Protein backbone atom coordinates (compact mmCIF):
# COMPACT_ATOMS: atom_id res chain seq x y z
CA MET A 1 191.59 91.73 69.21
CA ILE A 2 191.84 93.92 72.31
CA GLU A 3 193.39 97.28 71.59
CA LEU A 4 195.86 98.54 74.15
CA VAL A 5 196.88 101.94 75.44
CA SER A 6 200.34 101.38 73.92
CA ASP A 7 198.69 101.47 70.46
CA ILE A 8 197.61 105.09 70.81
CA MET A 9 199.71 106.70 73.56
CA ILE A 10 202.01 109.64 72.96
CA LYS A 11 205.53 108.53 73.80
CA ASP A 12 207.45 111.79 73.38
CA LEU A 13 206.69 113.40 76.71
CA ILE A 14 207.78 116.84 77.74
CA THR A 15 208.43 117.25 81.45
CA ILE A 16 209.10 120.12 83.81
CA SER A 17 210.31 120.38 87.39
CA GLU A 18 207.88 121.28 90.15
CA ASN A 19 210.30 124.09 91.07
CA ASP A 20 210.20 125.78 87.65
CA THR A 21 208.01 128.83 87.16
CA ALA A 22 204.65 128.97 85.47
CA LEU A 23 206.31 131.30 82.96
CA LYS A 24 208.78 128.57 81.97
CA ALA A 25 205.90 126.08 81.67
CA ALA A 26 203.95 128.46 79.41
CA GLN A 27 207.01 129.08 77.23
CA LEU A 28 207.71 125.35 76.92
CA MET A 29 204.10 124.50 76.07
CA THR A 30 204.00 127.25 73.46
CA GLU A 31 207.36 126.29 71.94
CA LYS A 32 206.39 122.60 71.69
CA GLY A 33 202.79 123.24 70.63
CA ILE A 34 201.37 121.12 73.45
CA SER A 35 198.64 121.60 76.02
CA SER A 36 200.17 119.85 79.01
CA LEU A 37 203.42 118.94 80.75
CA ILE A 38 204.27 116.12 83.15
CA VAL A 39 205.59 117.57 86.42
CA LEU A 40 208.56 115.89 88.08
CA ALA A 41 209.90 115.97 91.63
CA ASP A 42 213.24 114.21 92.04
CA ASP A 43 212.76 112.70 88.57
CA GLN A 44 209.44 111.13 89.63
CA PRO A 45 206.13 112.17 88.01
CA ILE A 46 203.83 113.84 90.54
CA GLY A 47 201.45 115.92 88.46
CA ILE A 48 200.34 117.44 85.20
CA VAL A 49 200.17 121.11 84.23
CA THR A 50 197.49 121.89 81.68
CA GLU A 51 196.10 124.94 79.94
CA ARG A 52 193.11 124.68 82.30
CA ASP A 53 195.47 124.98 85.28
CA PHE A 54 196.74 128.26 83.85
CA ILE A 55 193.22 129.61 83.49
CA LYS A 56 191.89 128.45 86.86
CA LYS A 57 194.96 128.92 89.02
CA ILE A 58 196.79 131.86 87.43
CA CYS A 59 194.59 133.95 85.12
CA LEU A 60 191.48 134.05 87.29
CA LYS A 61 193.58 135.08 90.28
CA GLU A 62 195.55 137.57 88.17
CA LEU A 63 198.87 136.13 89.37
CA LYS A 64 202.22 136.88 87.78
CA LEU A 65 203.57 133.86 85.87
CA SER A 66 207.12 134.35 87.07
CA GLY A 67 205.95 134.33 90.69
CA VAL A 68 204.19 130.95 90.67
CA ARG A 69 205.96 127.60 90.85
CA VAL A 70 204.71 124.73 88.72
CA GLY A 71 204.23 122.62 91.86
CA GLU A 72 201.74 125.20 93.17
CA MET A 73 199.56 125.17 90.07
CA MET A 74 199.72 121.59 88.79
CA SER A 75 197.01 118.99 89.06
CA ARG A 76 198.01 115.88 90.99
CA ILE A 77 198.04 112.58 89.12
CA ARG A 78 194.88 110.83 90.32
CA THR A 79 195.03 107.69 88.22
CA SER A 80 197.16 106.11 85.54
CA ALA A 81 197.43 103.08 83.29
CA SER A 82 200.12 100.79 81.98
CA PRO A 83 200.93 100.28 78.29
CA ASP A 84 199.11 96.93 78.31
CA THR A 85 195.87 98.40 79.69
CA PRO A 86 192.95 97.91 77.27
CA ILE A 87 191.80 101.22 75.78
CA ASP A 88 188.25 100.77 77.07
CA VAL A 89 189.58 100.40 80.65
CA ALA A 90 191.68 103.55 80.23
CA VAL A 91 188.65 105.46 78.94
CA GLN A 92 186.62 104.34 81.94
CA ARG A 93 189.35 105.57 84.31
CA MET A 94 189.36 108.94 82.56
CA VAL A 95 185.57 109.21 82.79
CA ASN A 96 185.46 108.10 86.42
CA ASN A 97 188.13 110.63 87.42
CA ARG A 98 186.84 113.37 85.12
CA ILE A 99 190.25 113.87 83.50
CA ARG A 100 191.30 114.61 79.93
CA ARG A 101 194.81 113.18 80.14
CA LEU A 102 195.92 109.81 81.47
CA PRO A 103 199.60 109.19 82.23
CA ILE A 104 200.98 105.79 81.29
CA PHE A 105 203.41 104.19 83.73
CA GLU A 106 205.74 101.24 83.33
CA ASN A 107 208.12 100.10 86.07
CA GLY A 108 207.48 103.27 88.06
CA LYS A 109 208.36 105.59 85.16
CA VAL A 110 206.02 107.61 83.00
CA VAL A 111 206.37 106.30 79.43
CA GLY A 112 203.45 107.97 77.73
CA ILE A 113 200.15 109.76 77.96
CA ILE A 114 196.78 109.46 76.26
CA THR A 115 194.46 112.39 75.79
CA VAL A 116 190.86 112.82 74.75
CA THR A 117 192.23 113.94 71.38
CA ASP A 118 194.08 110.62 71.01
CA LEU A 119 190.86 108.79 71.85
CA ALA A 120 188.88 110.85 69.32
CA LYS A 121 191.43 110.04 66.59
CA HIS A 122 191.27 106.37 67.52
CA LEU A 123 187.47 106.39 67.40
CA ARG A 124 187.55 108.13 64.01
CA THR A 125 189.85 105.39 62.67
CA ILE A 126 187.50 102.70 63.96
CA LEU A 127 184.47 104.42 62.42
CA LEU A 128 186.23 104.83 59.07
CA LEU A 129 187.30 101.18 59.06
CA ASN A 130 183.79 100.02 59.93
CA SER A 131 182.34 102.25 57.24
CA THR A 132 184.78 100.92 54.65
CA LEU A 133 184.11 97.33 55.63
CA SER A 134 180.35 97.75 55.59
CA SER A 135 180.34 99.42 52.16
CA GLY A 136 182.93 97.13 50.58
CA PRO A 137 182.29 94.78 47.62
CA LEU A 138 180.80 92.02 49.81
CA SER A 139 178.47 94.23 51.77
CA HIS A 140 174.74 93.54 51.85
CA LYS A 141 173.96 96.88 50.12
CA ASN A 142 176.28 96.15 47.18
CA ILE A 143 174.94 92.62 46.72
CA GLU A 144 171.36 93.90 46.47
CA ASN A 145 172.36 96.57 43.93
CA ASN A 146 174.15 94.13 41.60
């Protein structure tokens, strides 16, 4: 069975306008306990603001949060996937583009996102399932010990 992006994507996205301030973005991320926001221009996704963007584009330059627009600090969306994209294809896109978050689009709208954390949780589930299956009552080790 091929596992799809829709199986692990985060569907409750928080968005922000490209015209909002970095201060508003920081407040929203803190309030929601998230590390990124999808940036919209005319209700269309154009970028992502991440904690790394704050460090590289605001903190290191010692800029004032209220004086920077989200559109000036965001990272452009370089690649995406659809909900029916196999997870291994999505991972390869993330590796190839050196990104930690992959927006999921359907019919021109962003419907989700997957992150390296989502992928780590998914991998952990697979490893736990494989471990359980290999140490179950019909496993080779248990047959030899009985």
